Amino acid sequence: MQNQTYVTRRMDTTSFIRNRNTVRHTKKSLGSISQIVIVSMLTLVFGLIYVAEGTKATSFDYEISSVESEISEMNAKKEDLAVEKARLNSVAAAKSSTVAAAMEDATVDGYATE
């Protein structure tokens, strides 16, 4: 067998070190134009969200006003029906009264001529 001799080298930070990379990486960062684009896109997205929420509130207002107009129409119909009910009740009460039973039926004898 041959004798093997090992040579130790002086280790400094630039030489090979166990479990270390030999390449130094520089940090990558965004440029100023990229930052401006990102900020403007975020502003645009938040603006669109704000506008969408505003239109939702407006559409709820339209729905509420349509329901309120429907309610007012229903109340008017209810009042008309109450008047009609009172008229029909009075006609029914008049037909069933003893005074109305004693009266003769009205007939048209003729029309006035010139």
PDB file of N, CA and C in Angstrom:
ATOM      1  N   MET A   1       0.802  -1.174   0.000  1.00  0.00           N
ATOM      2  CA  MET A   1       0.000   0.000   0.000  1.00  0.00           C
ATOM      3  C   MET A   1       0.848   1.241   0.000  1.00  0.00           C
ATOM      4  N   GLN A   2       0.164   2.267  -0.545  1.00  0.00           N
ATOM      5  CA  GLN A   2       0.876   3.538  -0.606  1.00  0.00           C
ATOM      6  C   GLN A   2       0.508   4.395   0.576  1.00  0.00           C
ATOM      7  N   ASN A   3       1.417   5.163   0.936  1.00  0.00           N
ATOM      8  CA  ASN A   3       1.143   6.137   1.980  1.00  0.00           C
ATOM      9  C   ASN A   3       0.428   7.331   1.366  1.00  0.00           C
ATOM     10  N   GLN A   4      -0.627   7.703   1.984  1.00  0.00           N
ATOM     11  CA  GLN A   4      -1.350   8.875   1.494  1.00  0.00           C
ATOM     12  C   GLN A   4      -1.166  10.001   2.495  1.00  0.00           C
ATOM     13  N   THR A   5      -0.890  11.135   1.954  1.00  0.00           N
ATOM     14  CA  THR A   5      -0.753  12.302   2.819  1.00  0.00           C
ATOM     15  C   THR A   5      -1.854  13.289   2.494  1.00  0.00           C
ATOM     16  N   TYR A   6      -2.366  13.822   3.498  1.00  0.00           N
ATOM     17  CA  TYR A   6      -3.447  14.801   3.338  1.00  0.00           C
ATOM     18  C   TYR A   6      -2.897  16.188   3.538  1.00  0.00           C
ATOM     19  N   VAL A   7      -3.315  17.039   2.664  1.00  0.00           N
ATOM     20  CA  VAL A   7      -2.872  18.424   2.756  1.00  0.00           C
ATOM     21  C   VAL A   7      -4.041  19.255   3.269  1.00  0.00           C
ATOM     22  N   THR A   8      -3.822  19.967   4.294  1.00  0.00           N
ATOM     23  CA  THR A   8      -4.879  20.853   4.817  1.00  0.00           C
ATOM     24  C   THR A   8      -4.670  22.232   4.227  1.00  0.00           C
ATOM     25  N   ARG A   9      -5.754  22.766   3.828  1.00  0.00           N
ATOM     26  CA  ARG A   9      -5.676  24.115   3.279  1.00  0.00           C
ATOM     27  C   ARG A   9      -6.271  25.093   4.282  1.00  0.00           C
ATOM     28  N   ARG A  10      -5.864  26.238   4.118  1.00  0.00           N
ATOM     29  CA  ARG A  10      -6.411  27.280   4.963  1.00  0.00           C
ATOM     30  C   ARG A  10      -7.797  27.664   4.420  1.00  0.00           C
ATOM     31  N   MET A  11      -8.776  27.605   5.267  1.00  0.00           N
ATOM     32  CA  MET A  11     -10.139  27.868   4.841  1.00  0.00           C
ATOM     33  C   MET A  11     -10.472  29.335   5.083  1.00  0.00           C
ATOM     34  N   ASP A  12     -10.799  30.034   4.031  1.00  0.00           N
ATOM     35  CA  ASP A  12     -11.333  31.383   4.195  1.00  0.00           C
ATOM     36  C   ASP A  12     -12.755  31.399   3.632  1.00  0.00           C
ATOM     37  N   THR A  13     -13.409  32.520   3.706  1.00  0.00           N
ATOM     38  CA  THR A  13     -14.831  32.574   3.399  1.00  0.00           C
ATOM     39  C   THR A  13     -15.128  32.332   1.929  1.00  0.00           C
ATOM     40  N   THR A  14     -14.180  32.499   1.060  1.00  0.00           N
ATOM     41  CA  THR A  14     -14.456  32.330  -0.362  1.00  0.00           C
ATOM     42  C   THR A  14     -14.180  30.921  -0.849  1.00  0.00           C
ATOM     43  N   SER A  15     -13.547  30.120  -0.058  1.00  0.00           N
ATOM     44  CA  SER A  15     -13.229  28.764  -0.513  1.00  0.00           C
ATOM     45  C   SER A  15     -14.384  27.823  -0.183  1.00  0.00           C
ATOM     46  N   PHE A  16     -14.236  26.595  -0.569  1.00  0.00           N
ATOM     47  CA  PHE A  16     -15.276  25.597  -0.348  1.00  0.00           C
ATOM     48  C   PHE A  16     -15.414  25.285   1.132  1.00  0.00           C
ATOM     49  N   ILE A  17     -16.640  25.341   1.600  1.00  0.00           N
ATOM     50  CA  ILE A  17     -16.927  24.981   2.976  1.00  0.00           C
ATOM     51  C   ILE A  17     -18.019  23.932   2.921  1.00  0.00           C
ATOM     52  N   ARG A  18     -17.946  23.017   3.796  1.00  0.00           N
ATOM     53  CA  ARG A  18     -18.903  21.930   3.807  1.00  0.00           C
ATOM     54  C   ARG A  18     -20.320  22.454   4.039  1.00  0.00           C
ATOM     55  N   ASN A  19     -21.284  21.964   3.233  1.00  0.00           N
ATOM     56  CA  ASN A  19     -22.690  22.330   3.299  1.00  0.00           C
ATOM     57  C   ASN A  19     -22.959  23.816   3.033  1.00  0.00           C
ATOM     58  N   ARG A  20     -22.133  24.421   2.269  1.00  0.00           N
ATOM     59  CA  ARG A  20     -22.334  25.816   1.882  1.00  0.00           C
ATOM     60  C   ARG A  20     -22.262  25.929   0.361  1.00  0.00           C
ATOM     61  N   ASN A  21     -23.032  26.874  -0.153  1.00  0.00           N
ATOM     62  CA  ASN A  21     -22.956  27.122  -1.592  1.00  0.00           C
ATOM     63  C   ASN A  21     -21.718  27.933  -1.908  1.00  0.00           C
ATOM     64  N   THR A  22     -21.225  27.729  -3.105  1.00  0.00           N
ATOM     65  CA  THR A  22     -20.041  28.488  -3.514  1.00  0.00           C
ATOM     66  C   THR A  22     -20.414  29.719  -4.327  1.00  0.00           C
ATOM     67  N   VAL A  23     -21.717  29.898  -4.552  1.00  0.00           N
ATOM     68  CA  VAL A  23     -22.176  31.032  -5.343  1.00  0.00           C
ATOM     69  C   VAL A  23     -22.903  31.999  -4.421  1.00  0.00           C
ATOM     70  N   ARG A  24     -22.585  33.240  -4.554  1.00  0.00           N
ATOM     71  CA  ARG A  24     -23.286  34.251  -3.770  1.00  0.00           C
ATOM     72  C   ARG A  24     -24.431  34.807  -4.605  1.00  0.00           C
ATOM     73  N   HIS A  25     -25.596  34.797  -4.008  1.00  0.00           N
ATOM     74  CA  HIS A  25     -26.774  35.305  -4.704  1.00  0.00           C
ATOM     75  C   HIS A  25     -27.082  36.709  -4.228  1.00  0.00           C
ATOM     76  N   THR A  26     -27.522  37.527  -5.162  1.00  0.00           N
ATOM     77  CA  THR A  26     -27.938  38.873  -4.789  1.00  0.00           C
ATOM     78  C   THR A  26     -29.455  38.868  -4.623  1.00  0.00           C
ATOM     79  N   LYS A  27     -29.943  39.705  -3.737  1.00  0.00           N
ATOM     80  CA  LYS A  27     -31.380  39.790  -3.511  1.00  0.00           C
ATOM     81  C   LYS A  27     -32.034  40.422  -4.728  1.00  0.00           C
ATOM     82  N   LYS A  28     -33.153  39.812  -5.113  1.00  0.00           N
ATOM     83  CA  LYS A  28     -33.904  40.381  -6.227  1.00  0.00           C
ATOM     84  C   LYS A  28     -35.012  41.247  -5.652  1.00  0.00           C
ATOM     85  N   SER A  29     -35.188  42.402  -6.189  1.00  0.00           N
ATOM     86  CA  SER A  29     -36.240  43.298  -5.716  1.00  0.00           C
ATOM     87  C   SER A  29     -36.956  43.880  -6.929  1.00  0.00           C
ATOM     88  N   LEU A  30     -38.131  44.382  -6.668  1.00  0.00           N
ATOM     89  CA  LEU A  30     -38.919  44.985  -7.734  1.00  0.00           C
ATOM     90  C   LEU A  30     -38.394  46.371  -8.048  1.00  0.00           C
ATOM     91  N   GLY A  31     -38.527  46.728  -9.295  1.00  0.00           N
ATOM     92  CA  GLY A  31     -38.123  48.059  -9.695  1.00  0.00           C
ATOM     93  C   GLY A  31     -39.197  49.075  -9.370  1.00  0.00           C
ATOM     94  N   SER A  32     -38.882  50.330  -9.580  1.00  0.00           N
ATOM     95  CA  SER A  32     -39.837  51.383  -9.237  1.00  0.00           C
ATOM     96  C   SER A  32     -41.064  51.331 -10.141  1.00  0.00           C
ATOM     97  N   ILE A  33     -40.914  50.990 -11.388  1.00  0.00           N
ATOM     98  CA  ILE A  33     -42.059  50.913 -12.298  1.00  0.00           C
ATOM     99  C   ILE A  33     -42.972  49.762 -11.891  1.00  0.00           C
ATOM    100  N   SER A  34     -42.389  48.632 -11.524  1.00  0.00           N
ATOM    101  CA  SER A  34     -43.195  47.499 -11.075  1.00  0.00           C
ATOM    102  C   SER A  34     -43.971  47.847  -9.815  1.00  0.00           C
ATOM    103  N   GLN A  35     -43.359  48.561  -8.905  1.00  0.00           N
ATOM    104  CA  GLN A  35     -44.052  48.966  -7.686  1.00  0.00           C
ATOM    105  C   GLN A  35     -45.204  49.912  -8.002  1.00  0.00           C
ATOM    106  N   ILE A  36     -45.012  50.834  -8.917  1.00  0.00           N
ATOM    107  CA  ILE A  36     -46.076  51.761  -9.305  1.00  0.00           C
ATOM    108  C   ILE A  36     -47.231  50.993  -9.940  1.00  0.00           C
ATOM    109  N   VAL A  37     -46.918  50.027 -10.793  1.00  0.00           N
ATOM    110  CA  VAL A  37     -47.958  49.232 -11.444  1.00  0.00           C
ATOM    111  C   VAL A  37     -48.752  48.436 -10.412  1.00  0.00           C
ATOM    112  N   ILE A  38     -48.077  47.832  -9.454  1.00  0.00           N
ATOM    113  CA  ILE A  38     -48.756  47.031  -8.429  1.00  0.00           C
ATOM    114  C   ILE A  38     -49.655  47.910  -7.567  1.00  0.00           C
ATOM    115  N   VAL A  39     -49.164  49.064  -7.154  1.00  0.00           N
ATOM    116  CA  VAL A  39     -49.967  49.967  -6.327  1.00  0.00           C
ATOM    117  C   VAL A  39     -51.184  50.466  -7.103  1.00  0.00           C
ATOM    118  N   SER A  40     -50.992  50.793  -8.392  1.00  0.00           N
ATOM    119  CA  SER A  40     -52.129  51.263  -9.186  1.00  0.00           C
ATOM    120  C   SER A  40     -53.153  50.149  -9.403  1.00  0.00           C
ATOM    121  N   MET A  41     -52.714  48.911  -9.590  1.00  0.00           N
ATOM    122  CA  MET A  41     -53.645  47.794  -9.750  1.00  0.00           C
ATOM    123  C   MET A  41     -54.427  47.556  -8.453  1.00  0.00           C
ATOM    124  N   LEU A  42     -53.763  47.628  -7.309  1.00  0.00           N
ATOM    125  CA  LEU A  42     -54.463  47.474  -6.029  1.00  0.00           C
ATOM    126  C   LEU A  42     -55.490  48.584  -5.831  1.00  0.00           C
ATOM    127  N   THR A  43     -55.120  49.811  -6.186  1.00  0.00           N
ATOM    128  CA  THR A  43     -56.052  50.935  -6.082  1.00  0.00           C
ATOM    129  C   THR A  43     -57.257  50.717  -6.988  1.00  0.00           C
ATOM    130  N   LEU A  44     -57.020  50.224  -8.195  1.00  0.00           N
ATOM    131  CA  LEU A  44     -58.098  49.948  -9.126  1.00  0.00           C
ATOM    132  C   LEU A  44     -59.032  48.870  -8.594  1.00  0.00           C
ATOM    133  N   VAL A  45     -58.475  47.809  -8.029  1.00  0.00           N
ATOM    134  CA  VAL A  45     -59.296  46.721  -7.494  1.00  0.00           C
ATOM    135  C   VAL A  45     -60.144  47.216  -6.325  1.00  0.00           C
ATOM    136  N   PHE A  46     -59.554  47.970  -5.401  1.00  0.00           N
ATOM    137  CA  PHE A  46     -60.314  48.492  -4.273  1.00  0.00           C
ATOM    138  C   PHE A  46     -61.375  49.481  -4.742  1.00  0.00           C
ATOM    139  N   GLY A  47     -61.081  50.266  -5.757  1.00  0.00           N
ATOM    140  CA  GLY A  47     -62.071  51.185  -6.315  1.00  0.00           C
ATOM    141  C   GLY A  47     -63.242  50.441  -6.914  1.00  0.00           C
ATOM    142  N   LEU A  48     -62.972  49.359  -7.645  1.00  0.00           N
ATOM    143  CA  LEU A  48     -64.054  48.562  -8.231  1.00  0.00           C
ATOM    144  C   LEU A  48     -64.910  47.912  -7.149  1.00  0.00           C
ATOM    145  N   ILE A  49     -64.289  47.449  -6.089  1.00  0.00           N
ATOM    146  CA  ILE A  49     -65.046  46.865  -4.978  1.00  0.00           C
ATOM    147  C   ILE A  49     -65.939  47.932  -4.349  1.00  0.00           C
ATOM    148  N   TYR A  50     -65.424  49.138  -4.175  1.00  0.00           N
ATOM    149  CA  TYR A  50     -66.205  50.239  -3.589  1.00  0.00           C
ATOM    150  C   TYR A  50     -67.407  50.576  -4.462  1.00  0.00           C
ATOM    151  N   VAL A  51     -67.188  50.655  -5.768  1.00  0.00           N
ATOM    152  CA  VAL A  51     -68.283  50.979  -6.687  1.00  0.00           C
ATOM    153  C   VAL A  51     -69.323  49.865  -6.700  1.00  0.00           C
ATOM    154  N   ALA A  52     -68.875  48.612  -6.662  1.00  0.00           N
ATOM    155  CA  ALA A  52     -69.812  47.490  -6.660  1.00  0.00           C
ATOM    156  C   ALA A  52     -70.684  47.517  -5.413  1.00  0.00           C
ATOM    157  N   GLU A  53     -70.116  47.825  -4.270  1.00  0.00           N
ATOM    158  CA  GLU A  53     -70.898  47.905  -3.038  1.00  0.00           C
ATOM    159  C   GLU A  53     -71.882  49.066  -3.095  1.00  0.00           C
ATOM    160  N   GLY A  54     -71.487  50.174  -3.698  1.00  0.00           N
ATOM    161  CA  GLY A  54     -72.385  51.316  -3.831  1.00  0.00           C
ATOM    162  C   GLY A  54     -73.572  51.004  -4.718  1.00  0.00           C
ATOM    163  N   THR A  55     -73.341  50.275  -5.797  1.00  0.00           N
ATOM    164  CA  THR A  55     -74.458  49.924  -6.680  1.00  0.00           C
ATOM    165  C   THR A  55     -75.375  48.897  -6.028  1.00  0.00           C
ATOM    166  N   LYS A  56     -74.835  48.054  -5.163  1.00  0.00           N
ATOM    167  CA  LYS A  56     -75.696  47.118  -4.423  1.00  0.00           C
ATOM    168  C   LYS A  56     -76.671  47.884  -3.535  1.00  0.00           C
ATOM    169  N   ALA A  57     -76.171  48.904  -2.844  1.00  0.00           N
ATOM    170  CA  ALA A  57     -77.035  49.701  -1.974  1.00  0.00           C
ATOM    171  C   ALA A  57     -78.109  50.411  -2.794  1.00  0.00           C
ATOM    172  N   THR A  58     -77.744  50.909  -3.969  1.00  0.00           N
ATOM    173  CA  THR A  58     -78.711  51.577  -4.832  1.00  0.00           C
ATOM    174  C   THR A  58     -79.770  50.607  -5.316  1.00  0.00           C
ATOM    175  N   SER A  59     -79.368  49.399  -5.660  1.00  0.00           N
ATOM    176  CA  SER A  59     -80.352  48.417  -6.124  1.00  0.00           C
ATOM    177  C   SER A  59     -81.292  48.022  -4.986  1.00  0.00           C
ATOM    178  N   PHE A  60     -80.791  47.981  -3.751  1.00  0.00           N
ATOM    179  CA  PHE A  60     -81.667  47.719  -2.608  1.00  0.00           C
ATOM    180  C   PHE A  60     -82.670  48.854  -2.445  1.00  0.00           C
ATOM    181  N   ASP A  61     -82.237  50.115  -2.688  1.00  0.00           N
ATOM    182  CA  ASP A  61     -83.157  51.248  -2.606  1.00  0.00           C
ATOM    183  C   ASP A  61     -84.271  51.114  -3.639  1.00  0.00           C
ATOM    184  N   TYR A  62     -83.925  50.685  -4.855  1.00  0.00           N
ATOM    185  CA  TYR A  62     -84.943  50.505  -5.888  1.00  0.00           C
ATOM    186  C   TYR A  62     -85.920  49.400  -5.499  1.00  0.00           C
ATOM    187  N   GLU A  63     -85.417  48.326  -4.942  1.00  0.00           N
ATOM    188  CA  GLU A  63     -86.291  47.238  -4.515  1.00  0.00           C
ATOM    189  C   GLU A  63     -87.229  47.700  -3.405  1.00  0.00           C
ATOM    190  N   ILE A  64     -86.697  48.464  -2.457  1.00  0.00           N
ATOM    191  CA  ILE A  64     -87.516  48.963  -1.352  1.00  0.00           C
ATOM    192  C   ILE A  64     -88.598  49.892  -1.867  1.00  0.00           C
ATOM    193  N   SER A  65     -88.247  50.785  -2.799  1.00  0.00           N
ATOM    194  CA  SER A  65     -89.251  51.716  -3.327  1.00  0.00           C
ATOM    195  C   SER A  65     -90.319  50.978  -4.122  1.00  0.00           C
ATOM    196  N   SER A  66     -89.945  49.930  -4.856  1.00  0.00           N
ATOM    197  CA  SER A  66     -90.959  49.168  -5.595  1.00  0.00           C
ATOM    198  C   SER A  66     -91.888  48.429  -4.631  1.00  0.00           C
ATOM    199  N   VAL A  67     -91.345  47.888  -3.547  1.00  0.00           N
ATOM    200  CA  VAL A  67     -92.180  47.204  -2.558  1.00  0.00           C
ATOM    201  C   VAL A  67     -93.102  48.207  -1.861  1.00  0.00           C
ATOM    202  N   GLU A  68     -92.591  49.397  -1.550  1.00  0.00           N
ATOM    203  CA  GLU A  68     -93.427  50.417  -0.914  1.00  0.00           C
ATOM    204  C   GLU A  68     -94.554  50.865  -1.838  1.00  0.00           C
ATOM    205  N   SER A  69     -94.273  51.015  -3.138  1.00  0.00           N
ATOM    206  CA  SER A  69     -95.343  51.399  -4.072  1.00  0.00           C
ATOM    207  C   SER A  69     -96.373  50.282  -4.195  1.00  0.00           C
ATOM    208  N   GLU A  70     -95.919  49.045  -4.159  1.00  0.00           N
ATOM    209  CA  GLU A  70     -96.855  47.913  -4.193  1.00  0.00           C
ATOM    210  C   GLU A  70     -97.738  47.899  -2.940  1.00  0.00           C
ATOM    211  N   ILE A  71     -97.154  48.212  -1.800  1.00  0.00           N
ATOM    212  CA  ILE A  71     -97.924  48.271  -0.547  1.00  0.00           C
ATOM    213  C   ILE A  71     -98.967  49.378  -0.625  1.00  0.00           C
ATOM    214  N   SER A  72     -98.601  50.543  -1.159  1.00  0.00           N
ATOM    215  CA  SER A  72     -99.574  51.648  -1.246  1.00  0.00           C
ATOM    216  C   SER A  72    -100.701  51.295  -2.220  1.00  0.00           C
ATOM    217  N   GLU A  73    -100.376  50.593  -3.324  1.00  0.00           N
ATOM    218  CA  GLU A  73    -101.431  50.151  -4.243  1.00  0.00           C
ATOM    219  C   GLU A  73    -102.369  49.161  -3.562  1.00  0.00           C
ATOM    220  N   MET A  74    -101.821  48.243  -2.789  1.00  0.00           N
ATOM    221  CA  MET A  74    -102.642  47.263  -2.071  1.00  0.00           C
ATOM    222  C   MET A  74    -103.545  47.955  -1.044  1.00  0.00           C
ATOM    223  N   ASN A  75    -103.032  48.976  -0.356  1.00  0.00           N
ATOM    224  CA  ASN A  75    -103.853  49.711   0.609  1.00  0.00           C
ATOM    225  C   ASN A  75    -105.001  50.434  -0.088  1.00  0.00           C
ATOM    226  N   ALA A  76    -104.731  51.011  -1.276  1.00  0.00           N
ATOM    227  CA  ALA A  76    -105.794  51.682  -2.033  1.00  0.00           C
ATOM    228  C   ALA A  76    -106.861  50.679  -2.458  1.00  0.00           C
ATOM    229  N   LYS A  77    -106.434  49.494  -2.914  1.00  0.00           N
ATOM    230  CA  LYS A  77    -107.395  48.455  -3.289  1.00  0.00           C
ATOM    231  C   LYS A  77    -108.209  47.998  -2.080  1.00  0.00           C
ATOM    232  N   LYS A  78    -107.561  47.915  -0.926  1.00  0.00           N
ATOM    233  CA  LYS A  78    -108.256  47.509   0.301  1.00  0.00           C
ATOM    234  C   LYS A  78    -109.339  48.513   0.663  1.00  0.00           C
ATOM    235  N   GLU A  79    -109.013  49.818   0.541  1.00  0.00           N
ATOM    236  CA  GLU A  79    -110.001  50.848   0.827  1.00  0.00           C
ATOM    237  C   GLU A  79    -111.160  50.782  -0.160  1.00  0.00           C
ATOM    238  N   ASP A  80    -110.868  50.560  -1.448  1.00  0.00           N
ATOM    239  CA  ASP A  80    -111.934  50.436  -2.449  1.00  0.00           C
ATOM    240  C   ASP A  80    -112.829  49.235  -2.153  1.00  0.00           C
ATOM    241  N   LEU A  81    -112.208  48.138  -1.742  1.00  0.00           N
ATOM    242  CA  LEU A  81    -112.989  46.941  -1.415  1.00  0.00           C
ATOM    243  C   LEU A  81    -113.836  47.154  -0.162  1.00  0.00           C
ATOM    244  N   ALA A  82    -113.337  47.924   0.794  1.00  0.00           N
ATOM    245  CA  ALA A  82    -114.125  48.213   1.995  1.00  0.00           C
ATOM    246  C   ALA A  82    -115.351  49.047   1.634  1.00  0.00           C
ATOM    247  N   VAL A  83    -115.193  50.005   0.712  1.00  0.00           N
ATOM    248  CA  VAL A  83    -116.329  50.811   0.266  1.00  0.00           C
ATOM    249  C   VAL A  83    -117.329  49.931  -0.481  1.00  0.00           C
ATOM    250  N   GLU A  84    -116.839  49.056  -1.353  1.00  0.00           N
ATOM    251  CA  GLU A  84    -117.709  48.144  -2.097  1.00  0.00           C
ATOM    252  C   GLU A  84    -118.468  47.208  -1.158  1.00  0.00           C
ATOM    253  N   LYS A  85    -117.793  46.727  -0.117  1.00  0.00           N
ATOM    254  CA  LYS A  85    -118.431  45.848   0.872  1.00  0.00           C
ATOM    255  C   LYS A  85    -119.551  46.589   1.592  1.00  0.00           C
ATOM    256  N   ALA A  86    -119.293  47.836   1.980  1.00  0.00           N
ATOM    257  CA  ALA A  86    -120.315  48.623   2.670  1.00  0.00           C
ATOM    258  C   ALA A  86    -121.507  48.876   1.750  1.00  0.00           C
ATOM    259  N   ARG A  87    -121.281  49.143   0.474  1.00  0.00           N
ATOM    260  CA  ARG A  87    -122.362  49.368  -0.480  1.00  0.00           C
ATOM    261  C   ARG A  87    -123.201  48.112  -0.644  1.00  0.00           C
ATOM    262  N   LEU A  88    -122.516  46.963  -0.818  1.00  0.00           N
ATOM    263  CA  LEU A  88    -123.253  45.710  -0.986  1.00  0.00           C
ATOM    264  C   LEU A  88    -124.027  45.333   0.274  1.00  0.00           C
ATOM    265  N   ASN A  89    -123.448  45.592   1.431  1.00  0.00           N
ATOM    266  CA  ASN A  89    -124.170  45.319   2.691  1.00  0.00           C
ATOM    267  C   ASN A  89    -125.403  46.196   2.814  1.00  0.00           C
ATOM    268  N   SER A  90    -125.290  47.451   2.398  1.00  0.00           N
ATOM    269  CA  SER A  90    -126.448  48.338   2.497  1.00  0.00           C
ATOM    270  C   SER A  90    -127.533  47.917   1.512  1.00  0.00           C
ATOM    271  N   VAL A  91    -127.154  47.474   0.312  1.00  0.00           N
ATOM    272  CA  VAL A  91    -128.142  46.992  -0.652  1.00  0.00           C
ATOM    273  C   VAL A  91    -128.821  45.737  -0.116  1.00  0.00           C
ATOM    274  N   ALA A  92    -128.052  44.836   0.458  1.00  0.00           N
ATOM    275  CA  ALA A  92    -128.630  43.609   1.023  1.00  0.00           C
ATOM    276  C   ALA A  92    -129.538  43.937   2.198  1.00  0.00           C
ATOM    277  N   ALA A  93    -129.159  44.905   3.001  1.00  0.00           N
ATOM    278  CA  ALA A  93    -129.988  45.295   4.148  1.00  0.00           C
ATOM    279  C   ALA A  93    -131.277  45.963   3.673  1.00  0.00           C
ATOM    280  N   ALA A  94    -131.200  46.722   2.587  1.00  0.00           N
ATOM    281  CA  ALA A  94    -132.380  47.384   2.047  1.00  0.00           C
ATOM    282  C   ALA A  94    -133.345  46.364   1.450  1.00  0.00           C
ATOM    283  N   LYS A  95    -132.833  45.333   0.816  1.00  0.00           N
ATOM    284  CA  LYS A  95    -133.704  44.313   0.224  1.00  0.00           C
ATOM    285  C   LYS A  95    -134.416  43.487   1.296  1.00  0.00           C
ATOM    286  N   SER A  96    -133.743  43.285   2.397  1.00  0.00           N
ATOM    287  CA  SER A  96    -134.344  42.454   3.447  1.00  0.00           C
ATOM    288  C   SER A  96    -135.208  43.249   4.421  1.00  0.00           C
ATOM    289  N   SER A  97    -135.292  44.545   4.260  1.00  0.00           N
ATOM    290  CA  SER A  97    -136.097  45.340   5.200  1.00  0.00           C
ATOM    291  C   SER A  97    -137.591  45.219   4.859  1.00  0.00           C
ATOM    292  N   THR A  98    -138.444  45.458   5.845  1.00  0.00           N
ATOM    293  CA  THR A  98    -139.900  45.350   5.650  1.00  0.00           C
ATOM    294  C   THR A  98    -140.443  46.505   4.818  1.00  0.00           C
ATOM    295  N   VAL A  99    -139.805  47.644   4.919  1.00  0.00           N
ATOM    296  CA  VAL A  99    -140.250  48.794   4.137  1.00  0.00           C
ATOM    297  C   VAL A  99    -140.010  48.536   2.661  1.00  0.00           C
ATOM    298  N   ALA A 100    -138.849  47.996   2.335  1.00  0.00           N
ATOM    299  CA  ALA A 100    -138.517  47.720   0.942  1.00  0.00           C
ATOM    300  C   ALA A 100    -139.383  46.601   0.390  1.00  0.00           C
ATOM    301  N   ALA A 101    -139.804  45.680   1.216  1.00  0.00           N
ATOM    302  CA  ALA A 101    -140.657  44.589   0.758  1.00  0.00           C
ATOM    303  C   ALA A 101    -142.047  45.090   0.410  1.00  0.00           C
ATOM    304  N   ALA A 102    -142.508  46.156   1.064  1.00  0.00           N
ATOM    305  CA  ALA A 102    -143.840  46.704   0.806  1.00  0.00           C
ATOM    306  C   ALA A 102    -143.871  47.555  -0.447  1.00  0.00           C
ATOM    307  N   MET A 103    -142.719  47.969  -0.971  1.00  0.00           N
ATOM    308  CA  MET A 103    -142.664  48.829  -2.153  1.00  0.00           C
ATOM    309  C   MET A 103    -142.868  48.013  -3.422  1.00  0.00           C
ATOM    310  N   GLU A 104    -143.364  48.692  -4.441  1.00  0.00           N
ATOM    311  CA  GLU A 104    -143.538  48.048  -5.737  1.00  0.00           C
ATOM    312  C   GLU A 104    -142.241  48.166  -6.525  1.00  0.00           C
ATOM    313  N   ASP A 105    -142.058  47.231  -7.474  1.00  0.00           N
ATOM    314  CA  ASP A 105    -140.874  47.298  -8.328  1.00  0.00           C
ATOM    315  C   ASP A 105    -141.050  48.450  -9.303  1.00  0.00           C
ATOM    316  N   ALA A 106    -139.970  49.132  -9.570  1.00  0.00           N
ATOM    317  CA  ALA A 106    -140.013  50.265 -10.493  1.00  0.00           C
ATOM    318  C   ALA A 106    -139.889  49.755 -11.923  1.00  0.00           C
ATOM    319  N   THR A 107    -140.698  50.287 -12.797  1.00  0.00           N
ATOM    320  CA  THR A 107    -140.624  49.923 -14.215  1.00  0.00           C
ATOM    321  C   THR A 107    -140.587  51.209 -15.015  1.00  0.00           C
ATOM    322  N   VAL A 108    -140.006  51.122 -16.177  1.00  0.00           N
ATOM    323  CA  VAL A 108    -139.932  52.282 -17.057  1.00  0.00           C
ATOM    324  C   VAL A 108    -141.125  52.224 -17.984  1.00  0.00           C
ATOM    325  N   ASP A 109    -141.958  53.254 -17.912  1.00  0.00           N
ATOM    326  CA  ASP A 109    -143.127  53.307 -18.771  1.00  0.00           C
ATOM    327  C   ASP A 109    -142.778  53.799 -20.157  1.00  0.00           C
ATOM    328  N   GLY A 110    -141.810  54.626 -20.240  1.00  0.00           N
ATOM    329  CA  GLY A 110    -141.425  55.163 -21.545  1.00  0.00           C
ATOM    330  C   GLY A 110    -140.438  56.293 -21.366  1.00  0.00           C
ATOM    331  N   TYR A 111    -139.990  56.769 -22.466  1.00  0.00           N
ATOM    332  CA  TYR A 111    -139.019  57.854 -22.449  1.00  0.00           C
ATOM    333  C   TYR A 111    -139.689  59.115 -22.947  1.00  0.00           C
ATOM    334  N   ALA A 112    -139.180  60.222 -22.517  1.00  0.00           N
ATOM    335  CA  ALA A 112    -139.737  61.506 -22.942  1.00  0.00           C
ATOM    336  C   ALA A 112    -139.395  61.744 -24.396  1.00  0.00           C
ATOM    337  N   THR A 113    -140.370  62.206 -25.148  1.00  0.00           N
ATOM    338  CA  THR A 113    -140.131  62.515 -26.547  1.00  0.00           C
ATOM    339  C   THR A 113    -140.392  63.991 -26.763  1.00  0.00           C
ATOM    340  N   GLU A 114    -139.918  64.524 -27.813  1.00  0.00           N
ATOM    341  CA  GLU A 114    -140.088  65.932 -28.079  1.00  0.00           C
ATOM    342  C   GLU A 114    -141.346  66.228 -28.776  1.00  0.00           C
TER     343      GLU A 114
END
